PDB file of N, CA and C in Angstrom:
ATOM      1  N   MET A   1      -1.378  12.768   6.902  1.00  0.00           N
ATOM      2  CA  MET A   1      -0.732  11.594   8.003  1.00  0.00           C
ATOM      3  C   MET A   1      -0.257  10.590   7.514  1.00  0.00           C
ATOM      4  N   LYS A   2       0.522  10.142   7.800  1.00  0.00           N
ATOM      5  CA  LYS A   2       1.418   8.783   7.898  1.00  0.00           C
ATOM      6  C   LYS A   2       1.341   7.617   7.964  1.00  0.00           C
ATOM      7  N   LYS A   3       0.791   6.453   7.050  1.00  0.00           N
ATOM      8  CA  LYS A   3       0.489   5.322   7.475  1.00  0.00           C
ATOM      9  C   LYS A   3       1.511   4.285   6.716  1.00  0.00           C
ATOM     10  N   THR A   4       2.043   3.834   7.242  1.00  0.00           N
ATOM     11  CA  THR A   4       2.994   2.131   7.693  1.00  0.00           C
ATOM     12  C   THR A   4       2.587   1.050   6.970  1.00  0.00           C
ATOM     13  N   TYR A   5       2.775   0.642   6.620  1.00  0.00           N
ATOM     14  CA  TYR A   5       2.478  -1.188   6.456  1.00  0.00           C
ATOM     15  C   TYR A   5       3.604  -2.101   5.740  1.00  0.00           C
ATOM     16  N   ILE A   6       3.704  -3.233   6.466  1.00  0.00           N
ATOM     17  CA  ILE A   6       4.429  -4.573   6.398  1.00  0.00           C
ATOM     18  C   ILE A   6       3.716  -5.724   5.042  1.00  0.00           C
ATOM     19  N   LEU A   7       4.301  -5.056   3.735  1.00  0.00           N
ATOM     20  CA  LEU A   7       4.087  -6.203   3.165  1.00  0.00           C
ATOM     21  C   LEU A   7       4.207  -7.602   2.395  1.00  0.00           C
ATOM     22  N   GLU A   8       3.556  -8.386   3.654  1.00  0.00           N
ATOM     23  CA  GLU A   8       4.861  -9.674   3.229  1.00  0.00           C
ATOM     24  C   GLU A   8       4.361 -10.717   1.975  1.00  0.00           C
ATOM     25  N   ASP A   9       5.558 -11.282   2.156  1.00  0.00           N
ATOM     26  CA  ASP A   9       5.633 -11.981   1.246  1.00  0.00           C
ATOM     27  C   ASP A   9       5.292 -11.452  -0.971  1.00  0.00           C
ATOM     28  N   LEU A  10       5.921 -10.119  -0.239  1.00  0.00           N
ATOM     29  CA  LEU A  10       5.629  -9.594  -1.999  1.00  0.00           C
ATOM     30  C   LEU A  10       6.950  -9.856  -2.650  1.00  0.00           C
ATOM     31  N   CYS A  11       7.069 -10.692  -4.328  1.00  0.00           N
ATOM     32  CA  CYS A  11       7.682 -11.584  -4.617  1.00  0.00           C
ATOM     33  C   CYS A  11       8.613 -10.550  -5.326  1.00  0.00           C
ATOM     34  N   CYS A  12       8.639  -9.438  -5.981  1.00  0.00           N
ATOM     35  CA  CYS A  12       9.334  -9.254  -7.327  1.00  0.00           C
ATOM     36  C   CYS A  12       9.244  -7.520  -6.944  1.00  0.00           C
ATOM     37  N   PRO A  13      10.437  -6.658  -7.239  1.00  0.00           N
ATOM     38  CA  PRO A  13       9.770  -5.473  -7.818  1.00  0.00           C
ATOM     39  C   PRO A  13       9.315  -5.007  -8.553  1.00  0.00           C
ATOM     40  N   ASN A  14       9.075  -5.834  -9.752  1.00  0.00           N
ATOM     41  CA  ASN A  14       8.056  -4.955 -10.541  1.00  0.00           C
ATOM     42  C   ASN A  14       6.760  -5.418 -10.174  1.00  0.00           C
ATOM     43  N   CYS A  15       6.405  -5.975  -8.847  1.00  0.00           N
ATOM     44  CA  CYS A  15       5.367  -6.580  -8.637  1.00  0.00           C
ATOM     45  C   CYS A  15       5.108  -4.943  -7.102  1.00  0.00           C
ATOM     46  N   ALA A  16       6.547  -4.816  -6.681  1.00  0.00           N
ATOM     47  CA  ALA A  16       6.635  -3.464  -5.814  1.00  0.00           C
ATOM     48  C   ALA A  16       5.918  -2.005  -6.413  1.00  0.00           C
ATOM     49  N   ALA A  17       6.637  -1.890  -7.589  1.00  0.00           N
ATOM     50  CA  ALA A  17       6.090  -0.768  -8.703  1.00  0.00           C
ATOM     51  C   ALA A  17       4.785  -0.984  -9.262  1.00  0.00           C
ATOM     52  N   LYS A  18       3.738  -1.850  -9.094  1.00  0.00           N
ATOM     53  CA  LYS A  18       2.916  -1.578  -9.907  1.00  0.00           C
ATOM     54  C   LYS A  18       1.908  -1.463  -8.413  1.00  0.00           C
ATOM     55  N   VAL A  19       2.105  -2.010  -7.550  1.00  0.00           N
ATOM     56  CA  VAL A  19       1.564  -1.682  -6.444  1.00  0.00           C
ATOM     57  C   VAL A  19       1.700  -0.100  -5.695  1.00  0.00           C
ATOM     58  N   GLU A  20       2.455   0.492  -5.466  1.00  0.00           N
ATOM     59  CA  GLU A  20       2.610   1.200  -5.746  1.00  0.00           C
ATOM     60  C   GLU A  20       1.909   2.493  -6.584  1.00  0.00           C
ATOM     61  N   LYS A  21       1.806   2.032  -8.089  1.00  0.00           N
ATOM     62  CA  LYS A  21       1.720   2.826  -8.767  1.00  0.00           C
ATOM     63  C   LYS A  21      -0.041   2.859  -8.742  1.00  0.00           C
ATOM     64  N   GLU A  22      -0.726   2.407  -7.824  1.00  0.00           N
ATOM     65  CA  GLU A  22      -1.984   1.684  -8.369  1.00  0.00           C
ATOM     66  C   GLU A  22      -2.576   2.053  -6.685  1.00  0.00           C
ATOM     67  N   VAL A  23      -1.599   2.323  -6.132  1.00  0.00           N
ATOM     68  CA  VAL A  23      -1.850   2.395  -4.375  1.00  0.00           C
ATOM     69  C   VAL A  23      -1.868   4.362  -4.425  1.00  0.00           C
ATOM     70  N   ALA A  24      -1.629   4.725  -5.072  1.00  0.00           N
ATOM     71  CA  ALA A  24      -1.032   6.564  -5.082  1.00  0.00           C
ATOM     72  C   ALA A  24      -2.273   6.593  -6.173  1.00  0.00           C
ATOM     73  N   LYS A  25      -3.211   5.934  -6.714  1.00  0.00           N
ATOM     74  CA  LYS A  25      -4.198   6.600  -7.530  1.00  0.00           C
ATOM     75  C   LYS A  25      -5.360   6.861  -7.044  1.00  0.00           C
ATOM     76  N   LEU A  26      -5.560   6.062  -5.325  1.00  0.00           N
ATOM     77  CA  LEU A  26      -6.787   5.830  -5.087  1.00  0.00           C
ATOM     78  C   LEU A  26      -7.069   7.285  -4.311  1.00  0.00           C
ATOM     79  N   GLU A  27      -8.346   7.739  -4.194  1.00  0.00           N
ATOM     80  CA  GLU A  27      -8.692   8.857  -3.399  1.00  0.00           C
ATOM     81  C   GLU A  27      -8.227   9.486  -1.664  1.00  0.00           C
ATOM     82  N   GLY A  28      -8.428  10.055  -1.408  1.00  0.00           N
ATOM     83  CA  GLY A  28      -7.589  10.349  -0.545  1.00  0.00           C
ATOM     84  C   GLY A  28      -5.511   9.419  -0.138  1.00  0.00           C
ATOM     85  N   VAL A  29      -5.316   9.372  -1.465  1.00  0.00           N
ATOM     86  CA  VAL A  29      -3.634   9.198  -0.942  1.00  0.00           C
ATOM     87  C   VAL A  29      -3.214  10.189  -1.624  1.00  0.00           C
ATOM     88  N   ASN A  30      -2.539  10.862  -0.833  1.00  0.00           N
ATOM     89  CA  ASN A  30      -1.757  12.092  -1.271  1.00  0.00           C
ATOM     90  C   ASN A  30      -0.175  11.403  -2.112  1.00  0.00           C
ATOM     91  N   GLY A  31       0.168  10.658  -1.237  1.00  0.00           N
ATOM     92  CA  GLY A  31       1.204   9.834  -1.852  1.00  0.00           C
ATOM     93  C   GLY A  31       1.736   8.400  -1.409  1.00  0.00           C
ATOM     94  N   ALA A  32       2.656   8.086  -2.420  1.00  0.00           N
ATOM     95  CA  ALA A  32       2.856   6.203  -1.686  1.00  0.00           C
ATOM     96  C   ALA A  32       4.347   6.146  -1.944  1.00  0.00           C
ATOM     97  N   LYS A  33       4.702   5.508  -0.535  1.00  0.00           N
ATOM     98  CA  LYS A  33       6.160   4.875  -1.538  1.00  0.00           C
ATOM     99  C   LYS A  33       6.346   3.336  -0.749  1.00  0.00           C
ATOM    100  N   LEU A  34       7.145   2.615  -1.724  1.00  0.00           N
ATOM    101  CA  LEU A  34       6.719   1.223  -1.326  1.00  0.00           C
ATOM    102  C   LEU A  34       8.298   1.083  -1.714  1.00  0.00           C
ATOM    103  N   THR A  35       8.567   0.263  -0.716  1.00  0.00           N
ATOM    104  CA  THR A  35      10.333  -0.241  -1.384  1.00  0.00           C
ATOM    105  C   THR A  35      10.599  -1.596  -0.838  1.00  0.00           C
ATOM    106  N   PHE A  36      10.894  -2.118  -2.036  1.00  0.00           N
ATOM    107  CA  PHE A  36      10.729  -3.857  -2.262  1.00  0.00           C
ATOM    108  C   PHE A  36      11.813  -4.690  -0.983  1.00  0.00           C
ATOM    109  N   LEU A  37      13.140  -4.102  -1.276  1.00  0.00           N
ATOM    110  CA  LEU A  37      13.596  -4.758  -0.214  1.00  0.00           C
ATOM    111  C   LEU A  37      13.176  -4.685   1.204  1.00  0.00           C
ATOM    112  N   THR A  38      12.397  -3.946   1.651  1.00  0.00           N
ATOM    113  CA  THR A  38      11.974  -4.003   3.411  1.00  0.00           C
ATOM    114  C   THR A  38      10.852  -4.310   2.970  1.00  0.00           C
ATOM    115  N   GLN A  39      10.235  -4.170   2.216  1.00  0.00           N
ATOM    116  CA  GLN A  39       8.437  -5.254   1.793  1.00  0.00           C
ATOM    117  C   GLN A  39       7.437  -3.781   3.078  1.00  0.00           C
ATOM    118  N   LYS A  40       8.099  -2.036   2.839  1.00  0.00           N
ATOM    119  CA  LYS A  40       7.361  -1.295   3.599  1.00  0.00           C
ATOM    120  C   LYS A  40       6.699  -0.236   2.648  1.00  0.00           C
ATOM    121  N   LEU A  41       5.516  -0.211   2.981  1.00  0.00           N
ATOM    122  CA  LEU A  41       4.783   0.665   2.154  1.00  0.00           C
ATOM    123  C   LEU A  41       4.087   1.839   3.434  1.00  0.00           C
ATOM    124  N   VAL A  42       4.758   3.479   2.420  1.00  0.00           N
ATOM    125  CA  VAL A  42       4.485   4.031   3.198  1.00  0.00           C
ATOM    126  C   VAL A  42       3.343   4.935   2.511  1.00  0.00           C
ATOM    127  N   LEU A  43       2.213   5.205   3.385  1.00  0.00           N
ATOM    128  CA  LEU A  43       1.061   6.014   2.464  1.00  0.00           C
ATOM    129  C   LEU A  43       1.307   7.894   3.190  1.00  0.00           C
ATOM    130  N   ASP A  44       0.510   8.866   2.263  1.00  0.00           N
ATOM    131  CA  ASP A  44       0.604   9.924   3.029  1.00  0.00           C
ATOM    132  C   ASP A  44      -0.367  10.179   2.427  1.00  0.00           C
ATOM    133  N   VAL A  45      -1.822  10.133   3.784  1.00  0.00           N
ATOM    134  CA  VAL A  45      -3.451  10.175   3.800  1.00  0.00           C
ATOM    135  C   VAL A  45      -3.754  11.608   3.648  1.00  0.00           C
ATOM    136  N   ALA A  46      -4.568  12.465   3.596  1.00  0.00           N
ATOM    137  CA  ALA A  46      -5.682  13.383   3.446  1.00  0.00           C
ATOM    138  C   ALA A  46      -5.757  12.948   5.326  1.00  0.00           C
ATOM    139  N   ASP A  47      -5.990  14.162   5.519  1.00  0.00           N
ATOM    140  CA  ASP A  47      -6.745  14.150   7.085  1.00  0.00           C
ATOM    141  C   ASP A  47      -8.640  13.393   6.794  1.00  0.00           C
ATOM    142  N   GLY A  48      -8.804  12.540   7.871  1.00  0.00           N
ATOM    143  CA  GLY A  48      -9.934  11.835   7.911  1.00  0.00           C
ATOM    144  C   GLY A  48     -10.970  11.222   6.711  1.00  0.00           C
ATOM    145  N   MET A  49      -9.413  10.706   6.171  1.00  0.00           N
ATOM    146  CA  MET A  49      -9.848   9.672   5.148  1.00  0.00           C
ATOM    147  C   MET A  49      -9.013   8.360   5.560  1.00  0.00           C
ATOM    148  N   GLU A  50      -8.521   7.873   6.382  1.00  0.00           N
ATOM    149  CA  GLU A  50      -7.649   6.940   6.912  1.00  0.00           C
ATOM    150  C   GLU A  50      -7.834   5.871   6.894  1.00  0.00           C
ATOM    151  N   GLU A  51      -9.205   5.579   7.563  1.00  0.00           N
ATOM    152  CA  GLU A  51      -9.734   4.673   7.464  1.00  0.00           C
ATOM    153  C   GLU A  51     -10.128   4.147   6.614  1.00  0.00           C
ATOM    154  N   ALA A  52     -11.083   4.790   5.161  1.00  0.00           N
ATOM    155  CA  ALA A  52     -11.373   4.354   4.032  1.00  0.00           C
ATOM    156  C   ALA A  52     -10.329   3.726   2.992  1.00  0.00           C
ATOM    157  N   VAL A  53      -9.078   4.554   3.263  1.00  0.00           N
ATOM    158  CA  VAL A  53      -8.167   4.981   2.665  1.00  0.00           C
ATOM    159  C   VAL A  53      -7.539   3.268   2.678  1.00  0.00           C
ATOM    160  N   GLU A  54      -7.037   2.803   3.924  1.00  0.00           N
ATOM    161  CA  GLU A  54      -6.849   1.681   4.428  1.00  0.00           C
ATOM    162  C   GLU A  54      -7.339   0.585   4.379  1.00  0.00           C
ATOM    163  N   LYS A  55      -9.026   0.441   3.791  1.00  0.00           N
ATOM    164  CA  LYS A  55     -10.178  -0.668   3.658  1.00  0.00           C
ATOM    165  C   LYS A  55      -9.537  -0.539   1.660  1.00  0.00           C
ATOM    166  N   ALA A  56      -9.685   0.055   1.467  1.00  0.00           N
ATOM    167  CA  ALA A  56      -9.354   0.527  -0.156  1.00  0.00           C
ATOM    168  C   ALA A  56      -7.552   0.174  -0.142  1.00  0.00           C
ATOM    169  N   ALA A  57      -6.523   0.350   0.321  1.00  0.00           N
ATOM    170  CA  ALA A  57      -5.427   0.189   0.115  1.00  0.00           C
ATOM    171  C   ALA A  57      -4.899  -1.492  -0.158  1.00  0.00           C
ATOM    172  N   ILE A  58      -5.845  -2.200   1.372  1.00  0.00           N
ATOM    173  CA  ILE A  58      -5.579  -3.431   1.339  1.00  0.00           C
ATOM    174  C   ILE A  58      -6.698  -3.946   0.151  1.00  0.00           C
ATOM    175  N   ALA A  59      -7.080  -3.621   0.095  1.00  0.00           N
ATOM    176  CA  ALA A  59      -8.763  -4.727  -1.423  1.00  0.00           C
ATOM    177  C   ALA A  59      -7.922  -4.140  -2.492  1.00  0.00           C
ATOM    178  N   LEU A  60      -6.921  -2.968  -2.731  1.00  0.00           N
ATOM    179  CA  LEU A  60      -6.778  -3.537  -3.754  1.00  0.00           C
ATOM    180  C   LEU A  60      -5.280  -4.082  -3.929  1.00  0.00           C
ATOM    181  N   ILE A  61      -4.489  -4.081  -2.863  1.00  0.00           N
ATOM    182  CA  ILE A  61      -3.120  -5.041  -2.659  1.00  0.00           C
ATOM    183  C   ILE A  61      -3.333  -6.367  -2.953  1.00  0.00           C
ATOM    184  N   THR A  62      -4.823  -6.571  -2.522  1.00  0.00           N
ATOM    185  CA  THR A  62      -5.113  -8.316  -1.710  1.00  0.00           C
ATOM    186  C   THR A  62      -5.123  -8.940  -3.949  1.00  0.00           C
ATOM    187  N   LYS A  63      -5.782  -7.775  -4.393  1.00  0.00           N
ATOM    188  CA  LYS A  63      -6.333  -7.919  -5.432  1.00  0.00           C
ATOM    189  C   LYS A  63      -5.208  -8.642  -6.424  1.00  0.00           C
ATOM    190  N   LEU A  64      -4.331  -7.013  -6.539  1.00  0.00           N
ATOM    191  CA  LEU A  64      -3.554  -6.681  -7.708  1.00  0.00           C
ATOM    192  C   LEU A  64      -2.261  -8.402  -7.445  1.00  0.00           C
ATOM    193  N   GLU A  65      -1.979  -8.507  -5.492  1.00  0.00           N
ATOM    194  CA  GLU A  65      -1.133  -9.561  -4.972  1.00  0.00           C
ATOM    195  C   GLU A  65      -1.674 -10.378  -4.643  1.00  0.00           C
ATOM    196  N   PRO A  66      -2.452 -11.473  -4.992  1.00  0.00           N
ATOM    197  CA  PRO A  66      -3.398 -12.512  -3.299  1.00  0.00           C
ATOM    198  C   PRO A  66      -2.400 -12.571  -2.679  1.00  0.00           C
ATOM    199  N   ASP A  67      -1.180 -13.229  -2.971  1.00  0.00           N
ATOM    200  CA  ASP A  67      -0.322 -13.859  -2.396  1.00  0.00           C
ATOM    201  C   ASP A  67       0.032 -12.778  -0.968  1.00  0.00           C
ATOM    202  N   VAL A  68       0.376 -11.574  -1.202  1.00  0.00           N
ATOM    203  CA  VAL A  68       0.458 -10.800  -0.039  1.00  0.00           C
ATOM    204  C   VAL A  68       0.020 -10.483   1.122  1.00  0.00           C
ATOM    205  N   THR A  69       0.272 -10.696   2.440  1.00  0.00           N
ATOM    206  CA  THR A  69       0.103 -10.195   3.702  1.00  0.00           C
ATOM    207  C   THR A  69      -0.081  -9.089   3.518  1.00  0.00           C
ATOM    208  N   VAL A  70      -0.947  -7.918   3.845  1.00  0.00           N
ATOM    209  CA  VAL A  70      -0.645  -6.555   4.605  1.00  0.00           C
ATOM    210  C   VAL A  70      -0.277  -6.242   6.001  1.00  0.00           C
ATOM    211  N   VAL A  71       0.257  -5.766   6.839  1.00  0.00           N
ATOM    212  CA  VAL A  71       0.666  -5.749   8.142  1.00  0.00           C
ATOM    213  C   VAL A  71       0.290  -4.157   8.328  1.00  0.00           C
ATOM    214  N   ALA A  72      -0.573  -3.674   9.113  1.00  0.00           N
ATOM    215  CA  ALA A  72      -0.459  -1.707   9.491  1.00  0.00           C
ATOM    216  C   ALA A  72       0.559  -2.433  10.445  1.00  0.00           C
ATOM    217  N   LYS A  73       1.555  -1.329  10.772  1.00  0.00           N
ATOM    218  CA  LYS A  73       2.544  -1.536  11.580  1.00  0.00           C
ATOM    219  C   LYS A  73       2.272   0.305  12.487  1.00  0.00           C
TER     220      LYS A  73
END
């Protein structure tokens, strides 16, 4: 299942690459694509893991980039 999030106030392409790389490593994430220009993160999540992945991804993004606000779309 695809889940989309907007990462408001993402500051630079390097930060986007770091977030994309680390979120892709989370259990239940089959793939992650973060586009810096649109600040859109699209996750391919394993069935039944949606809630757990969302919590883990938001916590990880907040840890990596404390000034970013994650908005589910």
